[in-house]
Amino acid sequence: MKKLVYLLLVINIGLLSYFNLDLILPNTNPIIRTEINPEKIKILNPQQIEALPSQQSALPTPAVPPTPNANEQSTSPL
């Protein structure tokens, strides 16, 4: 029972310090959040969505290494 009380006390102190970290360490850089501009948001219709490039075409295609020919003999001793 004592272990449970100590565990809950440690969790309580940890959460208190985590959520009040800005008061404990005020010299840290604040997180800069970008603002959302509702006037710049544009709703697309289905035709505009279909005109967008697909994600597959936006990614570069990886180069496939050449595979050895099965008819050629291997020069390894194994």
C-alpha atoms as a PDB file:
ATOM      1  CA  MET A   1       0.000   0.000   0.000  1.00  0.00           C
ATOM      2  CA  LYS A   2       2.865   2.361   0.793  1.00  0.00           C
ATOM      3  CA  LYS A   3       4.410   1.630  -2.599  1.00  0.00           C
ATOM      4  CA  LEU A   4       1.175   2.618  -4.326  1.00  0.00           C
ATOM      5  CA  VAL A   5       1.012   5.904  -2.402  1.00  0.00           C
ATOM      6  CA  TYR A   6       4.649   6.696  -3.283  1.00  0.00           C
ATOM      7  CA  LEU A   7       4.039   5.813  -6.926  1.00  0.00           C
ATOM      8  CA  LEU A   8       0.979   8.064  -7.101  1.00  0.00           C
ATOM      9  CA  LEU A   9       2.924  10.851  -5.387  1.00  0.00           C
ATOM     10  CA  VAL A  10       5.759  10.600  -7.926  1.00  0.00           C
ATOM     11  CA  ILE A  11       3.274  10.567 -10.825  1.00  0.00           C
ATOM     12  CA  ASN A  12       1.480  13.590  -9.356  1.00  0.00           C
ATOM     13  CA  ILE A  13       4.717  15.577  -8.955  1.00  0.00           C
ATOM     14  CA  GLY A  14       5.825  14.565 -12.461  1.00  0.00           C
ATOM     15  CA  LEU A  15       2.574  15.681 -14.065  1.00  0.00           C
ATOM     16  CA  LEU A  16       2.559  18.905 -12.065  1.00  0.00           C
ATOM     17  CA  SER A  17       6.066  19.772 -13.210  1.00  0.00           C
ATOM     18  CA  TYR A  18       5.331  18.758 -16.825  1.00  0.00           C
ATOM     19  CA  PHE A  19       2.224  20.918 -17.168  1.00  0.00           C
ATOM     20  CA  ASN A  20       3.848  23.886 -15.370  1.00  0.00           C
ATOM     21  CA  LEU A  21       7.158  23.649 -17.199  1.00  0.00           C
ATOM     22  CA  ASP A  22       6.725  27.121 -18.684  1.00  0.00           C
ATOM     23  CA  LEU A  23       6.511  28.568 -15.168  1.00  0.00           C
ATOM     24  CA  ILE A  24       9.445  26.514 -13.893  1.00  0.00           C
ATOM     25  CA  LEU A  25      11.729  27.247 -16.872  1.00  0.00           C
ATOM     26  CA  PRO A  26      10.544  30.577 -18.310  1.00  0.00           C
ATOM     27  CA  ASN A  27      13.688  31.149 -20.419  1.00  0.00           C
ATOM     28  CA  THR A  28      12.890  28.450 -22.964  1.00  0.00           C
ATOM     29  CA  ASN A  29      11.892  29.510 -26.467  1.00  0.00           C
ATOM     30  CA  PRO A  30       8.124  29.467 -26.962  1.00  0.00           C
ATOM     31  CA  ILE A  31       6.672  27.269 -29.672  1.00  0.00           C
ATOM     32  CA  ILE A  32       5.766  29.405 -32.653  1.00  0.00           C
ATOM     33  CA  ARG A  33       2.490  28.268 -34.131  1.00  0.00           C
ATOM     34  CA  THR A  34       1.565  29.208 -37.650  1.00  0.00           C
ATOM     35  CA  GLU A  35      -1.715  31.005 -38.014  1.00  0.00           C
ATOM     36  CA  ILE A  36      -4.487  29.632 -40.177  1.00  0.00           C
ATOM     37  CA  ASN A  37      -5.834  32.164 -42.631  1.00  0.00           C
ATOM     38  CA  PRO A  38      -9.434  31.217 -43.444  1.00  0.00           C
ATOM     39  CA  GLU A  39      -9.522  33.597 -46.412  1.00  0.00           C
ATOM     40  CA  LYS A  40      -6.743  31.589 -48.105  1.00  0.00           C
ATOM     41  CA  ILE A  41      -8.534  28.242 -47.784  1.00  0.00           C
ATOM     42  CA  LYS A  42      -9.976  27.045 -51.073  1.00  0.00           C
ATOM     43  CA  ILE A  43     -12.512  24.228 -51.389  1.00  0.00           C
ATOM     44  CA  LEU A  44     -11.882  22.075 -54.444  1.00  0.00           C
ATOM     45  CA  ASN A  45     -14.579  20.473 -56.528  1.00  0.00           C
ATOM     46  CA  PRO A  46     -14.170  16.870 -57.788  1.00  0.00           C
ATOM     47  CA  GLN A  47     -12.836  17.978 -61.181  1.00  0.00           C
ATOM     48  CA  GLN A  48     -10.091  20.037 -59.565  1.00  0.00           C
ATOM     49  CA  ILE A  49      -9.178  17.125 -57.302  1.00  0.00           C
ATOM     50  CA  GLU A  50      -8.865  14.784 -60.284  1.00  0.00           C
ATOM     51  CA  ALA A  51      -6.661  17.356 -62.063  1.00  0.00           C
ATOM     52  CA  LEU A  52      -4.141  17.284 -59.207  1.00  0.00           C
ATOM     53  CA  PRO A  53      -1.051  15.138 -59.816  1.00  0.00           C
ATOM     54  CA  SER A  54      -1.204  11.771 -58.121  1.00  0.00           C
ATOM     55  CA  GLN A  55       1.156  10.949 -55.287  1.00  0.00           C
ATOM     56  CA  GLN A  56       2.682   8.132 -57.330  1.00  0.00           C
ATOM     57  CA  SER A  57       3.761  10.517 -60.098  1.00  0.00           C
ATOM     58  CA  ALA A  58       5.138  13.022 -57.586  1.00  0.00           C
ATOM     59  CA  LEU A  59       7.585  10.488 -56.156  1.00  0.00           C
ATOM     60  CA  PRO A  60      10.787   9.740 -58.054  1.00  0.00           C
ATOM     61  CA  THR A  61      11.027   6.226 -59.407  1.00  0.00           C
ATOM     62  CA  PRO A  62      13.813   4.217 -57.776  1.00  0.00           C
ATOM     63  CA  ALA A  63      16.519   2.784 -60.015  1.00  0.00           C
ATOM     64  CA  VAL A  64      16.350  -1.017 -60.183  1.00  0.00           C
ATOM     65  CA  PRO A  65      19.781  -2.676 -60.071  1.00  0.00           C
ATOM     66  CA  PRO A  66      20.439  -5.110 -62.925  1.00  0.00           C
ATOM     67  CA  THR A  67      19.888  -8.738 -62.078  1.00  0.00           C
ATOM     68  CA  PRO A  68      22.572 -11.268 -63.044  1.00  0.00           C
ATOM     69  CA  ASN A  69      21.792 -13.541 -65.947  1.00  0.00           C
ATOM     70  CA  ALA A  70      20.863 -17.078 -64.854  1.00  0.00           C
ATOM     71  CA  ASN A  71      22.814 -18.643 -67.782  1.00  0.00           C
ATOM     72  CA  GLU A  72      26.146 -17.115 -66.782  1.00  0.00           C
ATOM     73  CA  GLN A  73      28.425 -19.160 -64.560  1.00  0.00           C
ATOM     74  CA  SER A  74      29.353 -17.723 -61.199  1.00  0.00           C
ATOM     75  CA  THR A  75      33.058 -17.175 -60.589  1.00  0.00           C
ATOM     76  CA  SER A  76      32.788 -17.583 -56.840  1.00  0.00           C
ATOM     77  CA  PRO A  77      34.305 -20.773 -55.376  1.00  0.00           C
ATOM     78  CA  LEU A  78      31.156 -21.597 -53.428  1.00  0.00           C
END
